[in-house]
Amino acid sequence: MIDLHSHTLASDGEWSPKQLVDAAVAAGLSAISITDHDTIASYHEARRLAAGTGLRVIPGVEVSSEYNGQSLHLLGYFVDPDDAEFRARLASVQAAREARTPKLLARLKSLGMELTLEDIASEASGVVGRPHVAAAMVKRGYCETIPEAFDQYLADGKPAYVPKDRVIPRDAIRWIHDAGGIAVIAHPRSLKSRMRGLSYGSIIGSLALDGLDGVECYYSSHNDRTRDELMRVAARMKLCITGGSDFHGPTVRAGVTLGRGYGKLSIPDKLLDGMIKAWQRRHGHGPEERPACLS
């Protein structure tokens, strides 16, 4: 089994790369990808720690974008973690994310919940995001749990939500390609649930015109029907199929475990073959060539 969607302390995850690698090895996973939000800071440490264990670590990232005014996340796989231009582009997205935090705190203050930037910084080890604000809210006693903080205040459309400047999908996909990777739409169901008038085909099809390479069909909150529907769309559009748990740690997404999601997730190793073929097509590589991380 593999798990190609997880997070560490470098963004909004709760675990260090060591904890994540140790858990992946203990779970018997053959490959993982750390897809922190707008940063690839954990990759080199994770790969070093995984050396000799049989666990393959694929360089990945989750880039914040938007689709018709709604939040859209694009996963990049096989990107060059040392590409200076790519890192600079990700840094610009991180800056936009951090510029949002003071506005979010002002919204919370207007609702009677006062927090400082220092409160938030104490919860973060890398890129500051809403989960760190939620953790500070719990610590101050404004909410009992992180999910409650999101459900009542921080999620899209809730009283304290503040939209941030996001990269348009075409640019995010181009950034990933320029760094040698392939671009995959993350958890499509979450986007479709906010855009009920659109089908998976219309959403994914428009992104495919911008260069999308794959679809995250296996996902913790995708039931069998959703997974199978997405796989049919991906096959029809000749896009590769990927999957991941979106593991953040034991409390950020309560009940989600690495490699197993909510307990029934099982992502087959063979998906890597399709991803490699997508990488070969995208970048003009021959059938015998492999991404550096799998060589």
C-alpha atoms as a PDB file:
ATOM      1  CA  MET A   1       0.000   0.000   0.000  1.00  0.00           C
ATOM      2  CA  ILE A   2       0.993   3.614  -0.520  1.00  0.00           C
ATOM      3  CA  ASP A   3      -0.162   6.972   0.849  1.00  0.00           C
ATOM      4  CA  LEU A   4       0.574  10.000  -1.305  1.00  0.00           C
ATOM      5  CA  HIS A   5      -1.105  12.754   0.716  1.00  0.00           C
ATOM      6  CA  SER A   6       0.154  13.692   4.178  1.00  0.00           C
ATOM      7  CA  HIS A   7       1.340  16.706   6.139  1.00  0.00           C
ATOM      8  CA  THR A   8       4.019  17.549   8.696  1.00  0.00           C
ATOM      9  CA  LEU A   9       4.905  20.380  11.029  1.00  0.00           C
ATOM     10  CA  ALA A  10       6.273  22.254   8.016  1.00  0.00           C
ATOM     11  CA  SER A  11       2.669  23.262   7.253  1.00  0.00           C
ATOM     12  CA  ASP A  12      -0.445  22.301   9.221  1.00  0.00           C
ATOM     13  CA  GLY A  13       0.433  18.770  10.288  1.00  0.00           C
ATOM     14  CA  GLU A  14       1.130  17.706  13.868  1.00  0.00           C
ATOM     15  CA  TRP A  15       4.034  15.332  13.290  1.00  0.00           C
ATOM     16  CA  SER A  16       7.683  15.718  12.386  1.00  0.00           C
ATOM     17  CA  PRO A  17       9.060  13.958   9.304  1.00  0.00           C
ATOM     18  CA  LYS A  18      10.565  11.331  11.633  1.00  0.00           C
ATOM     19  CA  GLN A  19       7.219  10.548  13.227  1.00  0.00           C
ATOM     20  CA  LEU A  20       5.595  10.277   9.808  1.00  0.00           C
ATOM     21  CA  VAL A  21       8.312   8.010   8.389  1.00  0.00           C
ATOM     22  CA  ASP A  22       8.255   5.802  11.488  1.00  0.00           C
ATOM     23  CA  ALA A  23       4.466   5.471  11.222  1.00  0.00           C
ATOM     24  CA  ALA A  24       4.650   4.661   7.508  1.00  0.00           C
ATOM     25  CA  VAL A  25       7.225   1.927   8.101  1.00  0.00           C
ATOM     26  CA  ALA A  26       5.179   0.521  10.994  1.00  0.00           C
ATOM     27  CA  ALA A  27       2.079   0.478   8.784  1.00  0.00           C
ATOM     28  CA  GLY A  28       3.918  -1.469   6.088  1.00  0.00           C
ATOM     29  CA  LEU A  29       3.565   1.231   3.448  1.00  0.00           C
ATOM     30  CA  SER A  30       5.841   0.965   0.425  1.00  0.00           C
ATOM     31  CA  ALA A  31       5.738   4.652  -0.519  1.00  0.00           C
ATOM     32  CA  ILE A  32       4.585   7.988   0.881  1.00  0.00           C
ATOM     33  CA  SER A  33       4.554  11.581  -0.251  1.00  0.00           C
ATOM     34  CA  ILE A  34       4.635  14.502   2.151  1.00  0.00           C
ATOM     35  CA  THR A  35       2.427  17.112   0.501  1.00  0.00           C
ATOM     36  CA  ASP A  36       2.693  20.065   2.843  1.00  0.00           C
ATOM     37  CA  HIS A  37       0.830  23.213   1.895  1.00  0.00           C
ATOM     38  CA  ASP A  38       2.977  25.408  -0.334  1.00  0.00           C
ATOM     39  CA  THR A  39       6.299  24.028   0.928  1.00  0.00           C
ATOM     40  CA  ILE A  40       8.591  21.062   0.303  1.00  0.00           C
ATOM     41  CA  ALA A  41      10.683  21.686   3.404  1.00  0.00           C
ATOM     42  CA  SER A  42      10.236  18.193   4.887  1.00  0.00           C
ATOM     43  CA  TYR A  43      11.252  16.148   1.867  1.00  0.00           C
ATOM     44  CA  HIS A  44      15.006  15.792   2.309  1.00  0.00           C
ATOM     45  CA  GLU A  45      14.769  14.899   6.000  1.00  0.00           C
ATOM     46  CA  ALA A  46      12.063  12.320   5.336  1.00  0.00           C
ATOM     47  CA  ARG A  47      14.038  10.694   2.531  1.00  0.00           C
ATOM     48  CA  ARG A  48      17.158  10.530   4.684  1.00  0.00           C
ATOM     49  CA  LEU A  49      15.208   8.936   7.526  1.00  0.00           C
ATOM     50  CA  ALA A  50      13.586   6.417   5.188  1.00  0.00           C
ATOM     51  CA  ALA A  51      16.904   5.230   3.737  1.00  0.00           C
ATOM     52  CA  GLY A  52      17.371   1.512   4.298  1.00  0.00           C
ATOM     53  CA  THR A  53      13.783   0.908   5.433  1.00  0.00           C
ATOM     54  CA  GLY A  54      12.325  -0.006   2.052  1.00  0.00           C
ATOM     55  CA  LEU A  55      10.025   3.016   2.197  1.00  0.00           C
ATOM     56  CA  ARG A  56      10.135   5.250  -0.864  1.00  0.00           C
ATOM     57  CA  VAL A  57       9.547   8.972  -0.323  1.00  0.00           C
ATOM     58  CA  ILE A  58       8.177  10.875  -3.320  1.00  0.00           C
ATOM     59  CA  PRO A  59       8.702  14.641  -3.373  1.00  0.00           C
ATOM     60  CA  GLY A  60       5.322  16.331  -3.221  1.00  0.00           C
ATOM     61  CA  VAL A  61       3.510  19.555  -2.422  1.00  0.00           C
ATOM     62  CA  GLU A  62      -0.066  20.814  -2.129  1.00  0.00           C
ATOM     63  CA  VAL A  63      -0.450  24.181  -3.850  1.00  0.00           C
ATOM     64  CA  SER A  64      -3.298  26.484  -2.837  1.00  0.00           C
ATOM     65  CA  SER A  65      -5.365  27.600  -5.817  1.00  0.00           C
ATOM     66  CA  GLU A  66      -9.002  28.400  -6.610  1.00  0.00           C
ATOM     67  CA  TYR A  67     -11.683  27.387  -9.067  1.00  0.00           C
ATOM     68  CA  ASN A  68     -14.536  29.795  -9.795  1.00  0.00           C
ATOM     69  CA  GLY A  69     -13.996  31.516  -6.456  1.00  0.00           C
ATOM     70  CA  GLN A  70     -13.768  28.269  -4.465  1.00  0.00           C
ATOM     71  CA  SER A  71     -10.692  26.833  -2.777  1.00  0.00           C
ATOM     72  CA  LEU A  72      -8.901  24.283  -4.943  1.00  0.00           C
ATOM     73  CA  HIS A  73      -5.795  22.308  -3.999  1.00  0.00           C
ATOM     74  CA  LEU A  74      -3.405  20.909  -6.574  1.00  0.00           C
ATOM     75  CA  LEU A  75      -0.913  18.204  -5.673  1.00  0.00           C
ATOM     76  CA  GLY A  76       2.499  18.196  -7.325  1.00  0.00           C
ATOM     77  CA  TYR A  77       4.461  14.924  -7.496  1.00  0.00           C
ATOM     78  CA  PHE A  78       8.021  14.210  -8.665  1.00  0.00           C
ATOM     79  CA  VAL A  79       8.876  17.920  -8.383  1.00  0.00           C
ATOM     80  CA  ASP A  80      12.531  18.853  -7.978  1.00  0.00           C
ATOM     81  CA  PRO A  81      12.780  19.804  -4.277  1.00  0.00           C
ATOM     82  CA  ASP A  82      15.867  21.925  -4.992  1.00  0.00           C
ATOM     83  CA  ASP A  83      14.410  23.943  -7.866  1.00  0.00           C
ATOM     84  CA  ALA A  84      15.105  27.541  -6.799  1.00  0.00           C
ATOM     85  CA  GLU A  85      12.367  29.108  -8.922  1.00  0.00           C
ATOM     86  CA  PHE A  86       9.761  26.674  -7.637  1.00  0.00           C
ATOM     87  CA  ARG A  87      10.743  27.342  -4.035  1.00  0.00           C
ATOM     88  CA  ALA A  88      10.509  31.100  -4.649  1.00  0.00           C
ATOM     89  CA  ARG A  89       7.054  30.706  -6.171  1.00  0.00           C
ATOM     90  CA  LEU A  90       5.895  28.666  -3.173  1.00  0.00           C
ATOM     91  CA  ALA A  91       7.336  31.323  -0.855  1.00  0.00           C
ATOM     92  CA  SER A  92       5.099  33.922  -2.524  1.00  0.00           C
ATOM     93  CA  VAL A  93       2.039  31.791  -1.722  1.00  0.00           C
ATOM     94  CA  GLN A  94       3.219  31.353   1.868  1.00  0.00           C
ATOM     95  CA  ALA A  95       3.531  35.142   2.181  1.00  0.00           C
ATOM     96  CA  ALA A  96      -0.082  35.568   1.026  1.00  0.00           C
ATOM     97  CA  ARG A  97      -1.200  32.972   3.561  1.00  0.00           C
ATOM     98  CA  GLU A  98       0.597  34.717   6.411  1.00  0.00           C
ATOM     99  CA  ALA A  99      -0.738  38.140   5.364  1.00  0.00           C
ATOM    100  CA  ARG A 100      -4.237  36.769   5.956  1.00  0.00           C
ATOM    101  CA  THR A 101      -3.618  35.882   9.612  1.00  0.00           C
ATOM    102  CA  PRO A 102      -3.932  39.429  11.091  1.00  0.00           C
ATOM    103  CA  LYS A 103      -7.237  39.889   9.237  1.00  0.00           C
ATOM    104  CA  LEU A 104      -8.500  36.584  10.586  1.00  0.00           C
ATOM    105  CA  LEU A 105      -7.531  37.590  14.127  1.00  0.00           C
ATOM    106  CA  ALA A 106      -9.414  40.856  13.686  1.00  0.00           C
ATOM    107  CA  ARG A 107     -12.530  38.897  12.693  1.00  0.00           C
ATOM    108  CA  LEU A 108     -12.189  36.697  15.768  1.00  0.00           C
ATOM    109  CA  LYS A 109     -11.733  39.752  17.989  1.00  0.00           C
ATOM    110  CA  SER A 110     -14.973  41.217  16.659  1.00  0.00           C
ATOM    111  CA  LEU A 111     -16.617  37.961  17.727  1.00  0.00           C
ATOM    112  CA  GLY A 112     -15.232  38.276  21.252  1.00  0.00           C
ATOM    113  CA  MET A 113     -12.231  35.979  20.849  1.00  0.00           C
ATOM    114  CA  GLU A 114      -8.940  37.797  21.207  1.00  0.00           C
ATOM    115  CA  LEU A 115      -5.726  36.150  20.068  1.00  0.00           C
ATOM    116  CA  THR A 116      -2.288  37.549  19.238  1.00  0.00           C
ATOM    117  CA  LEU A 117       0.141  36.723  16.451  1.00  0.00           C
ATOM    118  CA  GLU A 118       2.402  35.318  19.158  1.00  0.00           C
ATOM    119  CA  ASP A 119      -0.373  32.915  20.172  1.00  0.00           C
ATOM    120  CA  ILE A 120      -0.535  31.629  16.613  1.00  0.00           C
ATOM    121  CA  ALA A 121       3.239  31.490  16.115  1.00  0.00           C
ATOM    122  CA  SER A 122       3.584  29.313  19.212  1.00  0.00           C
ATOM    123  CA  GLU A 123       1.412  26.672  17.519  1.00  0.00           C
ATOM    124  CA  ALA A 124       3.321  26.621  14.227  1.00  0.00           C
ATOM    125  CA  SER A 125       6.673  25.185  13.222  1.00  0.00           C
ATOM    126  CA  GLY A 126       6.440  26.137   9.547  1.00  0.00           C
ATOM    127  CA  VAL A 127       3.837  27.756   7.314  1.00  0.00           C
ATOM    128  CA  VAL A 128       1.144  29.417   9.440  1.00  0.00           C
ATOM    129  CA  GLY A 129      -2.398  28.355   8.605  1.00  0.00           C
ATOM    130  CA  ARG A 130      -5.908  28.117   9.984  1.00  0.00           C
ATOM    131  CA  PRO A 131      -5.204  24.907  11.933  1.00  0.00           C
ATOM    132  CA  HIS A 132      -2.704  26.857  14.030  1.00  0.00           C
ATOM    133  CA  VAL A 133      -5.333  29.515  14.710  1.00  0.00           C
ATOM    134  CA  ALA A 134      -7.763  26.749  15.654  1.00  0.00           C
ATOM    135  CA  ALA A 135      -5.210  25.231  18.032  1.00  0.00           C
ATOM    136  CA  ALA A 136      -4.739  28.615  19.709  1.00  0.00           C
ATOM    137  CA  MET A 137      -8.519  28.981  20.046  1.00  0.00           C
ATOM    138  CA  VAL A 138      -8.689  25.629  21.802  1.00  0.00           C
ATOM    139  CA  LYS A 139      -5.823  26.568  24.104  1.00  0.00           C
ATOM    140  CA  ARG A 140      -7.618  29.800  25.072  1.00  0.00           C
ATOM    141  CA  GLY A 141     -10.839  27.896  25.727  1.00  0.00           C
ATOM    142  CA  TYR A 142     -12.848  29.455  22.917  1.00  0.00           C
ATOM    143  CA  CYS A 143     -13.536  26.001  21.449  1.00  0.00           C
ATOM    144  CA  GLU A 144     -13.185  22.491  22.741  1.00  0.00           C
ATOM    145  CA  THR A 145     -11.642  20.959  19.622  1.00  0.00           C
ATOM    146  CA  ILE A 146      -9.942  21.995  16.391  1.00  0.00           C
ATOM    147  CA  PRO A 147     -12.801  20.605  14.229  1.00  0.00           C
ATOM    148  CA  GLU A 148     -15.249  22.685  16.296  1.00  0.00           C
ATOM    149  CA  ALA A 149     -13.185  25.831  15.641  1.00  0.00           C
ATOM    150  CA  PHE A 150     -13.406  25.179  11.900  1.00  0.00           C
ATOM    151  CA  ASP A 151     -17.061  24.188  11.883  1.00  0.00           C
ATOM    152  CA  GLN A 152     -18.164  27.267  13.827  1.00  0.00           C
ATOM    153  CA  TYR A 153     -15.695  29.983  12.821  1.00  0.00           C
ATOM    154  CA  LEU A 154     -12.832  29.245  10.416  1.00  0.00           C
ATOM    155  CA  ALA A 155     -14.170  27.164   7.535  1.00  0.00           C
ATOM    156  CA  ASP A 156     -15.168  28.723   4.218  1.00  0.00           C
ATOM    157  CA  GLY A 157     -18.272  30.855   4.712  1.00  0.00           C
ATOM    158  CA  LYS A 158     -18.061  30.898   8.512  1.00  0.00           C
ATOM    159  CA  PRO A 159     -17.969  34.159  10.546  1.00  0.00           C
ATOM    160  CA  ALA A 160     -14.168  34.426  10.904  1.00  0.00           C
ATOM    161  CA  TYR A 161     -13.207  33.120   7.470  1.00  0.00           C
ATOM    162  CA  VAL A 162     -10.961  35.405   5.443  1.00  0.00           C
ATOM    163  CA  PRO A 163     -10.192  34.476   1.811  1.00  0.00           C
ATOM    164  CA  LYS A 164      -6.590  34.725   0.712  1.00  0.00           C
ATOM    165  CA  ASP A 165      -4.995  35.513  -2.611  1.00  0.00           C
ATOM    166  CA  ARG A 166      -4.535  32.258  -4.475  1.00  0.00           C
ATOM    167  CA  VAL A 167      -2.719  31.171  -7.600  1.00  0.00           C
ATOM    168  CA  ILE A 168      -4.964  30.451 -10.561  1.00  0.00           C
ATOM    169  CA  PRO A 169      -4.976  26.761 -11.557  1.00  0.00           C
ATOM    170  CA  ARG A 170      -3.209  27.324 -14.868  1.00  0.00           C
ATOM    171  CA  ASP A 171      -0.274  28.971 -13.116  1.00  0.00           C
ATOM    172  CA  ALA A 172      -0.124  26.407 -10.290  1.00  0.00           C
ATOM    173  CA  ILE A 173      -0.064  23.581 -12.843  1.00  0.00           C
ATOM    174  CA  ARG A 174       2.643  25.366 -14.842  1.00  0.00           C
ATOM    175  CA  TRP A 175       4.752  25.848 -11.700  1.00  0.00           C
ATOM    176  CA  ILE A 176       4.567  22.115 -10.978  1.00  0.00           C
ATOM    177  CA  HIS A 177       5.477  21.237 -14.564  1.00  0.00           C
ATOM    178  CA  ASP A 178       8.349  23.723 -14.601  1.00  0.00           C
ATOM    179  CA  ALA A 179       9.738  21.964 -11.502  1.00  0.00           C
ATOM    180  CA  GLY A 180       9.671  18.632 -13.333  1.00  0.00           C
ATOM    181  CA  GLY A 181       6.508  17.279 -11.731  1.00  0.00           C
ATOM    182  CA  ILE A 182       2.964  16.217 -12.536  1.00  0.00           C
ATOM    183  CA  ALA A 183      -0.135  18.063 -11.327  1.00  0.00           C
ATOM    184  CA  VAL A 184      -3.061  16.269  -9.673  1.00  0.00           C
ATOM    185  CA  ILE A 185      -6.373  17.634  -8.382  1.00  0.00           C
ATOM    186  CA  ALA A 186      -6.694  16.914  -4.647  1.00  0.00           C
ATOM    187  CA  HIS A 187      -9.908  15.532  -3.051  1.00  0.00           C
ATOM    188  CA  PRO A 188     -12.276  16.588  -5.868  1.00  0.00           C
ATOM    189  CA  ARG A 189     -15.346  15.742  -3.809  1.00  0.00           C
ATOM    190  CA  SER A 190     -14.716  18.659  -1.450  1.00  0.00           C
ATOM    191  CA  LEU A 191     -14.762  21.083  -4.377  1.00  0.00           C
ATOM    192  CA  LYS A 192     -17.817  19.543  -6.035  1.00  0.00           C
ATOM    193  CA  SER A 193     -19.756  19.660  -2.743  1.00  0.00           C
ATOM    194  CA  ARG A 194     -19.372  23.453  -2.811  1.00  0.00           C
ATOM    195  CA  MET A 195     -20.309  23.706  -6.500  1.00  0.00           C
ATOM    196  CA  ARG A 196     -23.351  21.471  -6.736  1.00  0.00           C
ATOM    197  CA  GLY A 197     -24.291  22.531 -10.233  1.00  0.00           C
ATOM    198  CA  LEU A 198     -21.089  21.138 -11.737  1.00  0.00           C
ATOM    199  CA  SER A 199     -20.114  17.570 -12.533  1.00  0.00           C
ATOM    200  CA  TYR A 200     -16.743  15.964 -11.905  1.00  0.00           C
ATOM    201  CA  GLY A 201     -16.310  15.809 -15.652  1.00  0.00           C
ATOM    202  CA  SER A 202     -16.747  19.540 -16.140  1.00  0.00           C
ATOM    203  CA  ILE A 203     -14.411  20.480 -13.271  1.00  0.00           C
ATOM    204  CA  ILE A 204     -11.674  18.009 -14.131  1.00  0.00           C
ATOM    205  CA  GLY A 205     -12.097  18.566 -17.851  1.00  0.00           C
ATOM    206  CA  SER A 206     -11.476  22.305 -17.582  1.00  0.00           C
ATOM    207  CA  LEU A 207      -8.360  21.662 -15.481  1.00  0.00           C
ATOM    208  CA  ALA A 208      -7.167  19.055 -17.990  1.00  0.00           C
ATOM    209  CA  LEU A 209      -7.210  21.795 -20.624  1.00  0.00           C
ATOM    210  CA  ASP A 210      -4.781  23.682 -18.374  1.00  0.00           C
ATOM    211  CA  GLY A 211      -2.461  20.674 -18.202  1.00  0.00           C
ATOM    212  CA  LEU A 212      -3.768  18.588 -15.296  1.00  0.00           C
ATOM    213  CA  ASP A 213      -2.098  15.159 -15.195  1.00  0.00           C
ATOM    214  CA  GLY A 214      -4.090  13.215 -12.618  1.00  0.00           C
ATOM    215  CA  VAL A 215      -6.964  12.847 -10.159  1.00  0.00           C
ATOM    216  CA  GLU A 216      -6.852  11.900  -6.476  1.00  0.00           C
ATOM    217  CA  CYS A 217      -9.513   9.187  -6.592  1.00  0.00           C
ATOM    218  CA  TYR A 218      -8.594   7.270  -3.438  1.00  0.00           C
ATOM    219  CA  TYR A 219      -9.156   9.544  -0.431  1.00  0.00           C
ATOM    220  CA  SER A 220     -10.215   9.196   3.194  1.00  0.00           C
ATOM    221  CA  SER A 221     -13.670  10.728   2.725  1.00  0.00           C
ATOM    222  CA  HIS A 222     -14.372   9.262  -0.725  1.00  0.00           C
ATOM    223  CA  ASN A 223     -16.786   6.337  -0.590  1.00  0.00           C
ATOM    224  CA  ASP A 224     -16.570   3.551  -3.165  1.00  0.00           C
ATOM    225  CA  ARG A 225     -19.112   5.220  -5.427  1.00  0.00           C
ATOM    226  CA  THR A 226     -17.199   8.529  -5.494  1.00  0.00           C
ATOM    227  CA  ARG A 227     -13.864   6.766  -6.036  1.00  0.00           C
ATOM    228  CA  ASP A 228     -15.218   4.711  -8.917  1.00  0.00           C
ATOM    229  CA  GLU A 229     -16.886   7.706 -10.560  1.00  0.00           C
ATOM    230  CA  LEU A 230     -13.654   9.679 -10.378  1.00  0.00           C
ATOM    231  CA  MET A 231     -11.688   6.746 -11.781  1.00  0.00           C
ATOM    232  CA  ARG A 232     -14.047   6.608 -14.762  1.00  0.00           C
ATOM    233  CA  VAL A 233     -13.592  10.322 -15.391  1.00  0.00           C
ATOM    234  CA  ALA A 234      -9.798   9.991 -15.109  1.00  0.00           C
ATOM    235  CA  ALA A 235      -9.758   7.040 -17.522  1.00  0.00           C
ATOM    236  CA  ARG A 236     -11.938   8.869 -20.036  1.00  0.00           C
ATOM    237  CA  MET A 237      -9.589  11.863 -19.981  1.00  0.00           C
ATOM    238  CA  LYS A 238      -6.420   9.729 -19.911  1.00  0.00           C
ATOM    239  CA  LEU A 239      -5.348  11.115 -16.544  1.00  0.00           C
ATOM    240  CA  CYS A 240      -3.435   9.113 -13.952  1.00  0.00           C
ATOM    241  CA  ILE A 241      -5.053   7.995 -10.697  1.00  0.00           C
ATOM    242  CA  THR A 242      -3.559   8.777  -7.287  1.00  0.00           C
ATOM    243  CA  GLY A 243      -4.607   8.477  -3.674  1.00  0.00           C
ATOM    244  CA  GLY A 244      -3.813   9.539  -0.135  1.00  0.00           C
ATOM    245  CA  SER A 245      -5.246   9.802   3.339  1.00  0.00           C
ATOM    246  CA  ASP A 246      -4.576  13.548   3.862  1.00  0.00           C
ATOM    247  CA  PHE A 247      -3.161  12.597   7.252  1.00  0.00           C
ATOM    248  CA  HIS A 248      -2.365  15.612   9.451  1.00  0.00           C
ATOM    249  CA  GLY A 249      -1.912  13.957  12.829  1.00  0.00           C
ATOM    250  CA  PRO A 250      -4.098  12.496  15.566  1.00  0.00           C
ATOM    251  CA  THR A 251      -6.223  15.571  16.327  1.00  0.00           C
ATOM    252  CA  VAL A 252      -6.336  17.883  13.277  1.00  0.00           C
ATOM    253  CA  ARG A 253      -8.354  15.308  11.315  1.00  0.00           C
ATOM    254  CA  ALA A 254      -9.597  13.063  14.064  1.00  0.00           C
ATOM    255  CA  GLY A 255     -10.009   9.450  13.011  1.00  0.00           C
ATOM    256  CA  VAL A 256      -7.792   9.628   9.920  1.00  0.00           C
ATOM    257  CA  THR A 257      -4.752   7.357  10.095  1.00  0.00           C
ATOM    258  CA  LEU A 258      -1.780   7.203   7.751  1.00  0.00           C
ATOM    259  CA  GLY A 259      -2.367   4.717   4.957  1.00  0.00           C
ATOM    260  CA  ARG A 260      -5.856   3.733   6.101  1.00  0.00           C
ATOM    261  CA  GLY A 261      -7.843   6.963   6.264  1.00  0.00           C
ATOM    262  CA  TYR A 262     -10.947   6.295   8.329  1.00  0.00           C
ATOM    263  CA  GLY A 263     -10.118   2.572   8.331  1.00  0.00           C
ATOM    264  CA  LYS A 264     -11.127   1.303   4.895  1.00  0.00           C
ATOM    265  CA  LEU A 265      -8.686   3.160   2.659  1.00  0.00           C
ATOM    266  CA  SER A 266      -6.319   0.902   0.717  1.00  0.00           C
ATOM    267  CA  ILE A 267      -4.257   2.503  -2.030  1.00  0.00           C
ATOM    268  CA  PRO A 268      -2.537   0.011  -4.345  1.00  0.00           C
ATOM    269  CA  ASP A 269       1.128   0.275  -5.251  1.00  0.00           C
ATOM    270  CA  LYS A 270       0.283  -0.109  -8.942  1.00  0.00           C
ATOM    271  CA  LEU A 271      -0.962   3.479  -9.068  1.00  0.00           C
ATOM    272  CA  LEU A 272       2.686   4.529  -9.149  1.00  0.00           C
ATOM    273  CA  ASP A 273       3.018   2.914 -12.591  1.00  0.00           C
ATOM    274  CA  GLY A 274       0.344   5.206 -13.988  1.00  0.00           C
ATOM    275  CA  MET A 275       1.915   8.229 -12.337  1.00  0.00           C
ATOM    276  CA  ILE A 276       5.300   7.384 -13.863  1.00  0.00           C
ATOM    277  CA  LYS A 277       3.706   7.097 -17.310  1.00  0.00           C
ATOM    278  CA  ALA A 278       2.033  10.489 -16.805  1.00  0.00           C
ATOM    279  CA  TRP A 279       5.433  11.934 -15.851  1.00  0.00           C
ATOM    280  CA  GLN A 280       7.033  10.390 -18.941  1.00  0.00           C
ATOM    281  CA  ARG A 281       4.315  11.818 -21.211  1.00  0.00           C
ATOM    282  CA  ARG A 282       4.395  15.253 -19.654  1.00  0.00           C
ATOM    283  CA  HIS A 283       8.146  15.710 -19.831  1.00  0.00           C
ATOM    284  CA  GLY A 284       9.026  13.668 -22.922  1.00  0.00           C
ATOM    285  CA  HIS A 285      10.900  10.925 -21.075  1.00  0.00           C
ATOM    286  CA  GLY A 286      11.420   7.478 -22.539  1.00  0.00           C
ATOM    287  CA  PRO A 287       9.617   4.359 -21.252  1.00  0.00           C
ATOM    288  CA  GLU A 288      12.678   3.194 -19.308  1.00  0.00           C
ATOM    289  CA  GLU A 289      13.246   6.493 -17.496  1.00  0.00           C
ATOM    290  CA  ARG A 290      12.101   6.973 -13.908  1.00  0.00           C
ATOM    291  CA  PRO A 291      11.818   9.985 -11.595  1.00  0.00           C
ATOM    292  CA  ALA A 292      14.981  10.431  -9.520  1.00  0.00           C
ATOM    293  CA  CYS A 293      13.195   9.492  -6.292  1.00  0.00           C
ATOM    294  CA  LEU A 294      12.342   6.051  -7.727  1.00  0.00           C
ATOM    295  CA  SER A 295      15.629   5.360  -9.485  1.00  0.00           C
END
